[in-house]
Amino acid sequence: MHFDLILRGGSVITSDAQTRGDVAIAGGIIRAIVAPGAAVDAGEELDVSGKLLFPGFVDAHVHVPGHILDTKLDNYTTATRAAAAGGVTTVLLMPTDDPCSVTPIYFDKKRLAGEGRSLVDFALQAMVGPRSEDEHVDELSALGAVSFEIFLAYGGMPGFIIGDSDYQLQRVMDMIGAVGGIAGVTPHSPSLMTELTRLKRGPERIAKPNVEQRAETRPVLSESLGIARACTAAAETRTEVHLRALSSRNSLDIVRRFKDGGTVTAEVMSHHLVFCERQARRMGAYGVIVPPIRSADDRDALRDGVRGELIDMVVSDHSPALPEDKERGQDDIWLAPPGMPGLQTLFSSMMVLVDRGVLRLPDIARLCSDQPARRFRLGAKGRIAEGANADIVVVDPKAPLRVRNEDQHSRANYTTLANFSVSASIERVFLRGETIYAGGRFPSPPTGKFVRPD
């Protein structure tokens, strides 16, 4: 067989191994992995000797707040430049950013906005809520929604927060289960959060509160109550559930009890694996995210969770709040918008953990490529294997990287990982066999496509 391209001399990283092999590509698909140096008929050969070949990363939790409008915020192109530079070749976009993917019309608008503007492939997550007039689960499923997001508390639009209604939670899960969908659940206790926020922001509040005081309005108990509700409803309705943004040891304890049923998966944000509350306090307004960055004990429990496969994937929760907006919160922490950019630094965050002996290289492929692709039924993604899309990240293990704000491609031109040093850097990124990033440049116009679940 004649191949378009063969990558020679690299080490292929899979979820459970690191092996030598030459990767042969044709028509944007990996057609064969052959023994190093094997005779192959290919139009082009690329020498990647000494390099590591990772499957393109699949980030299952991404916010792009400026999809259509020409604002100062990240749009498809700026966000996916950051993604490409970070080796993320598929992004799963959350439904809360304009146009919110809550109806078939808005879903199509978001899809059309990405085609021709996105440098990487993208999938869309839909949103459901308690109002029957807003339900379009059947149509959104047919259009290719990879999940249906349920917000028990923060994060949804008015009218799309389930809140404390267990009746609505069961009813919505039944609808999602009826189309064979996945319910993505953002957990928390809305009543607990509301009262704590009222008390903390009331007349007796601290004159200049810090990140930890704001974090107290999203306590571990609030998260645990939301997770327990979601898992119990999932078990009763037999609906597949994916839990968003676990941040505490208690949350893991609850998930462990429900894992055996096979319907529950969970994610953790890279920030929660790298940082703890002491570092978040030093960040000031830049350390404000939801859920909050918690104690070192919680961080260590989350690290154990990803090692032991209790947590299925690591995500960036790319939420690119602008520096000028974050700065407003330096004197009044309540004014700081939550969120951190993370697409470009997802791999670097994982390398921090590898360099510290927390994870191994195959864990990166498992947590950031294979598992998210499998969970959201994107069968051609997340693997270096015959028949998979030729989405490949070429990493140089002998080229250390110092993360810098000035190198970031998101319009939120900073990173909380600034000044971290890691032992390896991304050299080149392929999307379906074509180079989309190399040596700090983006050599081709946007070619990202909308992808739907198998």
Protein backbone atom coordinates (compact mmCIF):
# COMPACT_ATOMS: atom_id res chain seq x y z
CA MET A 1 0.00 0.00 0.00
CA HIS A 2 1.17 3.52 -0.74
CA PHE A 3 1.09 5.90 2.23
CA ASP A 4 1.05 9.68 2.24
CA LEU A 5 3.40 10.01 5.21
CA ILE A 6 5.42 7.85 7.55
CA LEU A 7 6.82 8.99 10.89
CA ARG A 8 10.15 7.23 11.44
CA GLY A 9 12.03 6.44 14.61
CA GLY A 10 9.66 7.62 17.32
CA SER A 11 8.29 5.95 20.45
CA VAL A 12 4.52 5.50 20.44
CA ILE A 13 2.83 6.29 23.77
CA THR A 14 -0.38 4.39 24.46
CA SER A 15 -2.51 4.11 27.59
CA ASP A 16 -0.41 1.25 28.95
CA ALA A 17 2.92 1.21 27.15
CA GLN A 18 5.73 2.99 25.34
CA THR A 19 6.90 1.10 22.25
CA ARG A 20 9.05 1.78 19.19
CA GLY A 21 7.22 1.86 15.87
CA ASP A 22 6.94 3.76 12.59
CA VAL A 23 3.50 5.24 11.96
CA ALA A 24 2.15 5.13 8.39
CA ILE A 25 -0.62 7.55 7.40
CA ALA A 26 -2.88 7.80 4.34
CA GLY A 27 -5.99 9.88 3.80
CA GLY A 28 -5.73 11.36 7.29
CA ILE A 29 -5.97 7.91 8.90
CA ILE A 30 -3.34 5.79 10.63
CA ARG A 31 -3.10 2.79 8.31
CA ALA A 32 -0.27 0.84 9.93
CA ILE A 33 2.28 0.81 12.71
CA VAL A 34 5.29 -1.07 11.41
CA ALA A 35 8.60 -2.20 12.85
CA PRO A 36 11.23 0.54 13.00
CA GLY A 37 12.94 0.89 9.63
CA ALA A 38 10.59 -1.47 7.78
CA ALA A 39 10.39 -0.90 4.02
CA VAL A 40 7.32 1.23 3.30
CA ASP A 41 6.13 3.05 0.18
CA ALA A 42 5.36 6.60 1.33
CA GLY A 43 5.22 9.95 -0.39
CA GLU A 44 6.94 11.67 2.55
CA GLU A 45 9.05 10.53 5.46
CA LEU A 46 9.55 12.52 8.64
CA ASP A 47 12.39 11.62 10.97
CA VAL A 48 11.13 11.74 14.57
CA SER A 49 13.99 9.75 16.06
CA GLY A 50 14.18 10.13 19.82
CA LYS A 51 10.78 11.79 19.95
CA LEU A 52 7.62 10.67 21.75
CA LEU A 53 4.40 10.25 19.75
CA PHE A 54 1.27 10.88 21.79
CA PRO A 55 -2.28 10.53 20.48
CA GLY A 56 -3.82 13.98 20.04
CA PHE A 57 -5.29 15.14 23.32
CA VAL A 58 -9.08 15.26 23.72
CA ASP A 59 -10.14 18.00 26.13
CA ALA A 60 -13.65 17.19 27.32
CA HIS A 61 -14.36 20.47 29.15
CA VAL A 62 -13.70 23.69 27.24
CA HIS A 63 -15.30 27.14 27.25
CA VAL A 64 -14.98 29.49 24.28
CA PRO A 65 -16.92 32.61 25.28
CA GLY A 66 -16.72 34.51 21.97
CA HIS A 67 -17.91 31.99 19.39
CA ILE A 68 -19.54 34.46 17.00
CA LEU A 69 -19.36 38.02 18.29
CA ASP A 70 -16.17 39.97 17.67
CA THR A 71 -15.34 40.61 21.31
CA LYS A 72 -12.11 40.77 23.27
CA LEU A 73 -12.75 37.23 24.48
CA ASP A 74 -11.44 34.00 23.01
CA ASN A 75 -13.16 32.92 19.81
CA TYR A 76 -12.88 29.67 17.89
CA THR A 77 -9.63 30.69 16.21
CA THR A 78 -7.77 32.12 19.20
CA ALA A 79 -8.83 29.34 21.55
CA THR A 80 -7.97 26.59 19.10
CA ARG A 81 -4.58 28.12 18.35
CA ALA A 82 -3.91 27.64 22.05
CA ALA A 83 -5.30 24.11 21.77
CA ALA A 84 -3.10 23.24 18.79
CA ALA A 85 0.02 24.62 20.47
CA GLY A 86 -0.82 22.46 23.48
CA GLY A 87 -1.39 19.27 21.49
CA VAL A 88 -5.17 19.30 21.99
CA THR A 89 -6.58 18.13 18.66
CA THR A 90 -10.21 17.71 19.73
CA VAL A 91 -12.18 20.01 22.05
CA LEU A 92 -15.57 19.26 23.55
CA LEU A 93 -17.27 22.61 24.00
CA MET A 94 -19.49 23.26 26.98
CA PRO A 95 -22.97 24.57 26.17
CA THR A 96 -23.05 27.73 28.28
CA ASP A 97 -21.17 30.07 25.95
CA ASP A 98 -23.01 32.19 23.37
CA PRO A 99 -24.76 30.85 21.38
CA CYS A 100 -25.78 28.49 24.17
CA SER A 101 -26.45 25.08 22.68
CA VAL A 102 -29.90 24.58 24.18
CA THR A 103 -31.99 24.44 20.99
CA PRO A 104 -31.38 22.91 17.57
CA ILE A 105 -31.03 26.40 16.04
CA TYR A 106 -28.40 27.53 18.55
CA PHE A 107 -26.61 24.18 18.30
CA ASP A 108 -26.32 24.60 14.53
CA LYS A 109 -25.16 28.21 14.89
CA LYS A 110 -22.33 27.10 17.15
CA ARG A 111 -21.41 24.26 14.78
CA LEU A 112 -21.39 26.53 11.74
CA ALA A 113 -19.34 29.15 13.59
CA GLY A 114 -16.61 26.58 14.17
CA GLU A 115 -16.38 25.23 10.66
CA GLY A 116 -13.71 27.23 8.88
CA ARG A 117 -12.56 28.94 12.09
CA SER A 118 -11.36 26.11 14.32
CA LEU A 119 -7.80 24.81 13.98
CA VAL A 120 -8.75 21.57 15.73
CA ASP A 121 -11.72 19.22 15.58
CA PHE A 122 -14.60 20.04 17.91
CA ALA A 123 -17.68 18.43 19.40
CA LEU A 124 -20.63 20.14 21.07
CA GLN A 125 -22.29 19.45 24.39
CA ALA A 126 -25.93 20.41 24.81
CA MET A 127 -27.77 21.71 27.87
CA VAL A 128 -31.08 20.66 29.40
CA GLY A 129 -33.09 22.17 32.21
CA PRO A 130 -36.34 21.90 34.13
CA ARG A 131 -38.66 23.77 31.72
CA SER A 132 -40.52 21.48 29.34
CA GLU A 133 -40.76 24.18 26.67
CA ASP A 134 -36.96 24.19 26.42
CA GLU A 135 -36.54 20.46 25.88
CA HIS A 136 -35.02 19.38 22.59
CA VAL A 137 -33.18 16.24 23.65
CA ASP A 138 -34.27 14.13 20.66
CA GLU A 139 -33.34 16.78 18.09
CA LEU A 140 -30.02 17.65 19.77
CA SER A 141 -29.12 13.98 19.93
CA ALA A 142 -29.82 13.64 16.21
CA LEU A 143 -27.63 16.69 15.52
CA GLY A 144 -24.68 15.04 17.26
CA ALA A 145 -24.55 16.30 20.85
CA VAL A 146 -21.92 14.31 22.74
CA SER A 147 -23.53 15.02 26.13
CA PHE A 148 -26.47 16.72 27.80
CA GLU A 149 -25.31 18.97 30.61
CA ILE A 150 -27.24 19.22 33.86
CA PHE A 151 -26.38 22.10 36.19
CA LEU A 152 -27.49 21.41 39.73
CA ALA A 153 -26.26 24.83 40.79
CA TYR A 154 -23.94 27.36 39.18
CA GLY A 155 -23.04 27.54 35.52
CA GLY A 156 -26.30 27.34 33.66
CA MET A 157 -28.46 30.10 32.25
CA PRO A 158 -31.50 31.26 34.24
CA GLY A 159 -34.17 28.63 33.78
CA PHE A 160 -31.63 25.87 33.07
CA ILE A 161 -30.51 25.17 36.63
CA ILE A 162 -32.11 22.06 38.10
CA GLY A 163 -31.55 23.31 41.63
CA ASP A 164 -32.93 21.29 44.54
CA SER A 165 -35.76 19.63 42.58
CA ASP A 166 -35.18 15.89 42.63
CA TYR A 167 -38.31 15.45 40.53
CA GLN A 168 -36.77 17.50 37.73
CA LEU A 169 -33.44 15.70 38.10
CA GLN A 170 -35.10 12.32 37.63
CA ARG A 171 -37.28 13.55 34.75
CA VAL A 172 -34.35 15.06 32.84
CA MET A 173 -32.18 11.99 33.37
CA ASP A 174 -34.98 9.79 32.07
CA MET A 175 -35.10 11.89 28.88
CA ILE A 176 -31.35 11.64 28.39
CA GLY A 177 -31.37 7.92 29.04
CA ALA A 178 -34.17 7.45 26.51
CA VAL A 179 -31.91 8.65 23.67
CA GLY A 180 -28.90 6.72 24.96
CA GLY A 181 -27.18 9.96 25.91
CA ILE A 182 -24.63 10.89 28.56
CA ALA A 183 -25.66 13.28 31.33
CA GLY A 184 -22.79 15.61 32.17
CA VAL A 185 -23.47 16.83 35.70
CA THR A 186 -22.04 19.95 37.32
CA PRO A 187 -22.73 19.15 40.98
CA HIS A 188 -23.24 21.26 44.10
CA SER A 189 -25.97 22.14 46.57
CA PRO A 190 -27.69 25.31 45.35
CA SER A 191 -29.35 26.11 48.69
CA LEU A 192 -26.09 25.73 50.62
CA MET A 193 -24.19 27.85 48.12
CA THR A 194 -26.86 30.55 48.07
CA GLU A 195 -27.00 30.92 51.85
CA LEU A 196 -23.24 30.85 52.31
CA THR A 197 -22.78 33.48 49.61
CA ARG A 198 -25.40 35.69 51.24
CA LEU A 199 -23.67 35.40 54.60
CA LYS A 200 -20.16 35.95 53.25
CA ARG A 201 -21.19 38.98 51.19
CA GLY A 202 -23.47 40.44 53.85
CA PRO A 203 -22.92 43.56 55.99
CA GLU A 204 -20.57 41.73 58.37
CA ARG A 205 -18.26 40.42 55.67
CA ILE A 206 -14.50 40.91 55.79
CA ALA A 207 -13.32 44.26 54.39
CA LYS A 208 -10.88 42.70 51.93
CA PRO A 209 -11.68 39.01 51.54
CA ASN A 210 -9.21 36.63 49.93
CA VAL A 211 -9.59 33.61 47.66
CA GLU A 212 -10.16 31.28 50.60
CA GLN A 213 -13.10 33.32 51.92
CA ARG A 214 -14.72 33.19 48.50
CA ALA A 215 -13.99 29.46 48.28
CA GLU A 216 -15.95 28.95 51.50
CA THR A 217 -19.15 29.61 49.55
CA ARG A 218 -18.43 26.44 47.50
CA PRO A 219 -17.43 24.04 50.30
CA VAL A 220 -16.61 20.35 49.98
CA LEU A 221 -19.98 19.49 51.51
CA SER A 222 -21.80 21.33 48.71
CA GLU A 223 -19.92 19.37 46.05
CA SER A 224 -20.43 16.07 47.89
CA LEU A 225 -24.18 16.59 48.20
CA GLY A 226 -24.46 17.30 44.48
CA ILE A 227 -22.43 14.24 43.52
CA ALA A 228 -24.44 11.98 45.82
CA ARG A 229 -27.70 13.22 44.29
CA ALA A 230 -26.44 12.77 40.74
CA CYS A 231 -25.05 9.29 41.33
CA THR A 232 -28.19 8.13 43.14
CA ALA A 233 -30.44 9.43 40.35
CA ALA A 234 -28.19 7.83 37.72
CA ALA A 235 -28.37 4.45 39.46
CA GLU A 236 -32.15 4.66 39.74
CA THR A 237 -32.77 5.80 36.16
CA ARG A 238 -29.88 3.77 34.68
CA THR A 239 -28.61 6.86 32.92
CA GLU A 240 -24.94 7.21 32.05
CA VAL A 241 -23.45 10.10 34.02
CA HIS A 242 -20.21 12.01 33.72
CA LEU A 243 -19.33 14.09 36.77
CA ARG A 244 -17.66 17.43 36.12
CA ALA A 245 -14.69 18.86 37.97
CA LEU A 246 -14.17 16.76 41.08
CA SER A 247 -12.08 18.65 43.62
CA SER A 248 -12.05 16.81 46.95
CA ARG A 249 -11.29 13.56 48.76
CA ASN A 250 -14.93 13.34 49.90
CA SER A 251 -16.13 13.45 46.30
CA LEU A 252 -13.90 10.52 45.42
CA ASP A 253 -15.25 8.52 48.34
CA ILE A 254 -18.79 8.93 47.01
CA VAL A 255 -17.84 8.13 43.40
CA ARG A 256 -16.07 4.96 44.55
CA ARG A 257 -19.37 3.61 45.90
CA PHE A 258 -21.12 4.02 42.55
CA LYS A 259 -18.33 3.08 40.13
CA ASP A 260 -19.09 -0.63 40.01
CA GLY A 261 -22.33 -0.03 38.14
CA GLY A 262 -20.40 1.12 35.07
CA THR A 263 -22.56 4.18 34.43
CA VAL A 264 -20.51 6.81 36.30
CA THR A 265 -17.32 8.48 35.08
CA ALA A 266 -15.56 11.52 36.49
CA GLU A 267 -13.06 14.20 35.54
CA VAL A 268 -10.62 16.46 37.33
CA MET A 269 -9.26 19.80 36.16
CA SER A 270 -5.51 19.96 35.72
CA HIS A 271 -5.37 22.95 38.11
CA HIS A 272 -6.60 20.79 40.98
CA LEU A 273 -3.80 18.28 40.42
CA VAL A 274 -1.03 20.87 40.35
CA PHE A 275 -2.06 23.51 42.90
CA CYS A 276 -3.43 23.66 46.44
CA GLU A 277 -5.22 26.43 48.34
CA ARG A 278 -1.97 27.97 49.62
CA GLN A 279 -0.84 28.63 46.05
CA ALA A 280 -4.32 29.82 45.01
CA ARG A 281 -4.21 32.42 47.76
CA ARG A 282 -0.91 33.75 46.38
CA MET A 283 -2.54 34.04 42.94
CA GLY A 284 -5.20 36.37 44.30
CA ALA A 285 -8.03 36.96 41.83
CA TYR A 286 -6.25 34.77 39.29
CA GLY A 287 -6.76 31.82 41.62
CA VAL A 288 -10.57 32.11 41.59
CA ILE A 289 -12.13 29.11 39.85
CA VAL A 290 -15.13 26.86 40.47
CA PRO A 291 -14.90 24.52 42.16
CA PRO A 292 -12.19 26.17 44.27
CA ILE A 293 -8.64 24.88 44.51
CA ARG A 294 -8.67 23.01 47.79
CA SER A 295 -6.28 21.66 50.41
CA ALA A 296 -3.05 19.78 49.79
CA ASP A 297 -4.78 16.68 51.19
CA ASP A 298 -7.56 17.00 48.60
CA ARG A 299 -4.98 17.56 45.84
CA ASP A 300 -3.09 14.43 46.88
CA ALA A 301 -6.32 12.40 46.96
CA LEU A 302 -7.12 13.55 43.41
CA ARG A 303 -3.64 12.49 42.31
CA ASP A 304 -4.30 9.06 43.80
CA GLY A 305 -7.63 9.04 41.98
CA VAL A 306 -6.12 9.54 38.54
CA ARG A 307 -3.39 6.97 39.23
CA GLY A 308 -5.89 4.41 40.45
CA GLU A 309 -8.35 5.07 37.59
CA LEU A 310 -11.12 6.21 39.92
CA ILE A 311 -10.97 9.47 37.97
CA ASP A 312 -11.28 8.78 34.26
CA MET A 313 -9.84 11.89 32.63
CA VAL A 314 -8.07 15.20 33.11
CA VAL A 315 -9.55 18.33 31.50
CA SER A 316 -8.50 21.96 31.28
CA ASP A 317 -11.88 23.65 31.88
CA HIS A 318 -10.40 26.37 29.67
CA SER A 319 -12.18 29.49 30.97
CA PRO A 320 -10.20 32.41 29.58
CA ALA A 321 -11.13 35.31 31.85
CA LEU A 322 -9.20 38.39 30.71
CA PRO A 323 -6.48 39.92 32.91
CA GLU A 324 -8.29 43.26 33.14
CA ASP A 325 -11.38 41.47 34.45
CA LYS A 326 -9.36 39.45 36.95
CA GLU A 327 -7.61 42.62 38.15
CA ARG A 328 -10.94 44.08 39.26
CA GLY A 329 -11.03 41.32 41.85
CA GLN A 330 -7.69 42.10 43.44
CA ASP A 331 -9.26 44.63 45.81
CA ASP A 332 -12.68 42.93 45.99
CA ILE A 333 -12.45 39.19 45.37
CA TRP A 334 -16.19 38.99 44.67
CA LEU A 335 -15.65 40.93 41.43
CA ALA A 336 -13.19 38.39 40.00
CA PRO A 337 -14.74 36.23 37.25
CA PRO A 338 -14.01 32.55 37.89
CA GLY A 339 -11.86 30.57 35.52
CA MET A 340 -8.36 30.04 34.18
CA PRO A 341 -7.08 29.46 30.64
CA GLY A 342 -5.79 25.92 30.28
CA LEU A 343 -5.88 24.53 26.75
CA GLN A 344 -2.31 25.37 25.85
CA THR A 345 -0.91 24.21 29.18
CA LEU A 346 -2.82 20.93 29.62
CA PHE A 347 0.18 18.87 28.49
CA SER A 348 2.62 20.98 30.50
CA SER A 349 0.46 20.48 33.60
CA MET A 350 0.61 16.74 33.07
CA MET A 351 4.38 16.89 32.58
CA VAL A 352 4.69 18.69 35.93
CA LEU A 353 3.15 15.56 37.46
CA VAL A 354 5.36 13.22 35.44
CA ASP A 355 8.49 15.12 36.42
CA ARG A 356 7.47 14.89 40.08
CA GLY A 357 6.90 11.13 39.84
CA VAL A 358 3.13 11.38 40.28
CA LEU A 359 2.27 10.01 36.82
CA ARG A 360 3.92 8.10 33.96
CA LEU A 361 3.92 9.04 30.29
CA PRO A 362 1.28 6.40 29.39
CA ASP A 363 -0.99 7.97 32.03
CA ILE A 364 -1.06 11.14 29.93
CA ALA A 365 -2.29 9.17 26.90
CA ARG A 366 -4.89 7.40 29.04
CA LEU A 367 -6.21 10.44 30.89
CA CYS A 368 -6.01 13.09 28.16
CA SER A 369 -6.64 11.07 24.98
CA ASP A 370 -7.96 7.53 25.20
CA GLN A 371 -10.43 7.77 28.07
CA PRO A 372 -12.17 11.02 27.07
CA ALA A 373 -12.51 9.78 23.47
CA ARG A 374 -13.97 6.47 24.64
CA ARG A 375 -16.32 8.00 27.17
CA PHE A 376 -17.82 10.44 24.70
CA ARG A 377 -17.90 7.86 21.89
CA LEU A 378 -15.40 9.49 19.57
CA GLY A 379 -13.99 6.19 18.35
CA ALA A 380 -11.59 7.62 15.76
CA LYS A 381 -9.94 9.88 18.33
CA GLY A 382 -7.56 9.42 21.23
CA ARG A 383 -5.44 6.51 19.98
CA ILE A 384 -2.40 5.78 17.84
CA ALA A 385 -3.76 2.64 16.25
CA GLU A 386 -4.78 1.38 12.84
CA GLY A 387 -8.01 3.01 11.71
CA ALA A 388 -7.78 5.99 14.05
CA ASN A 389 -7.51 9.60 12.91
CA ALA A 390 -3.88 10.60 12.44
CA ASP A 391 -4.03 13.11 15.31
CA ILE A 392 -0.50 12.92 16.69
CA VAL A 393 1.56 15.06 19.05
CA VAL A 394 5.32 14.91 18.56
CA VAL A 395 7.10 15.62 21.84
CA ASP A 396 10.82 16.18 22.31
CA PRO A 397 11.80 14.69 25.69
CA LYS A 398 15.18 16.43 25.55
CA ALA A 399 13.85 19.95 25.03
CA PRO A 400 12.87 21.42 28.41
CA LEU A 401 10.19 24.09 28.41
CA ARG A 402 9.77 27.10 30.66
CA VAL A 403 6.14 28.16 30.55
CA ARG A 404 5.75 31.90 29.91
CA ASN A 405 2.80 34.27 29.69
CA GLU A 406 4.14 35.85 26.51
CA ASP A 407 3.97 32.52 24.65
CA GLN A 408 0.26 31.99 25.25
CA HIS A 409 -2.05 32.12 22.22
CA SER A 410 -5.35 32.54 24.05
CA ARG A 411 -6.61 36.11 24.30
CA ALA A 412 -6.34 35.60 28.04
CA ASN A 413 -2.61 36.07 27.59
CA TYR A 414 -1.52 34.63 30.90
CA THR A 415 -1.28 31.25 32.57
CA THR A 416 -1.23 30.24 36.21
CA LEU A 417 1.51 27.82 35.17
CA ALA A 418 3.85 30.70 34.28
CA ASN A 419 7.49 30.13 35.29
CA PHE A 420 7.01 26.39 35.74
CA SER A 421 9.68 24.33 33.97
CA VAL A 422 8.98 20.89 32.51
CA SER A 423 11.34 18.36 30.97
CA ALA A 424 9.69 18.02 27.53
CA SER A 425 8.05 20.23 24.93
CA ILE A 426 5.72 19.86 21.97
CA GLU A 427 7.54 20.03 18.65
CA ARG A 428 4.79 19.35 16.11
CA VAL A 429 1.07 18.53 16.06
CA PHE A 430 -0.82 16.66 13.35
CA LEU A 431 -4.58 16.77 12.78
CA ARG A 432 -5.71 13.98 10.46
CA GLY A 433 -2.19 13.72 9.08
CA GLU A 434 -1.66 17.43 8.40
CA THR A 435 0.62 19.66 10.45
CA ILE A 436 -1.37 22.30 12.34
CA TYR A 437 1.42 23.42 14.67
CA ALA A 438 5.21 23.30 14.39
CA GLY A 439 7.99 25.33 15.91
CA GLY A 440 5.68 27.98 17.33
CA ARG A 441 3.82 28.48 14.05
CA PHE A 442 0.50 27.46 12.53
CA PRO A 443 1.35 26.59 8.93
CA SER A 444 -2.15 26.07 7.53
CA PRO A 445 -5.55 27.78 7.69
CA PRO A 446 -8.14 26.34 10.11
CA THR A 447 -9.17 22.82 9.06
CA GLY A 448 -10.96 21.64 12.19
CA LYS A 449 -14.19 19.70 11.66
CA PHE A 450 -17.30 19.10 13.70
CA VAL A 451 -17.28 15.56 15.07
CA ARG A 452 -20.24 13.62 16.40
CA PRO A 453 -20.40 10.55 18.66
CA ASP A 454 -20.29 7.12 17.06
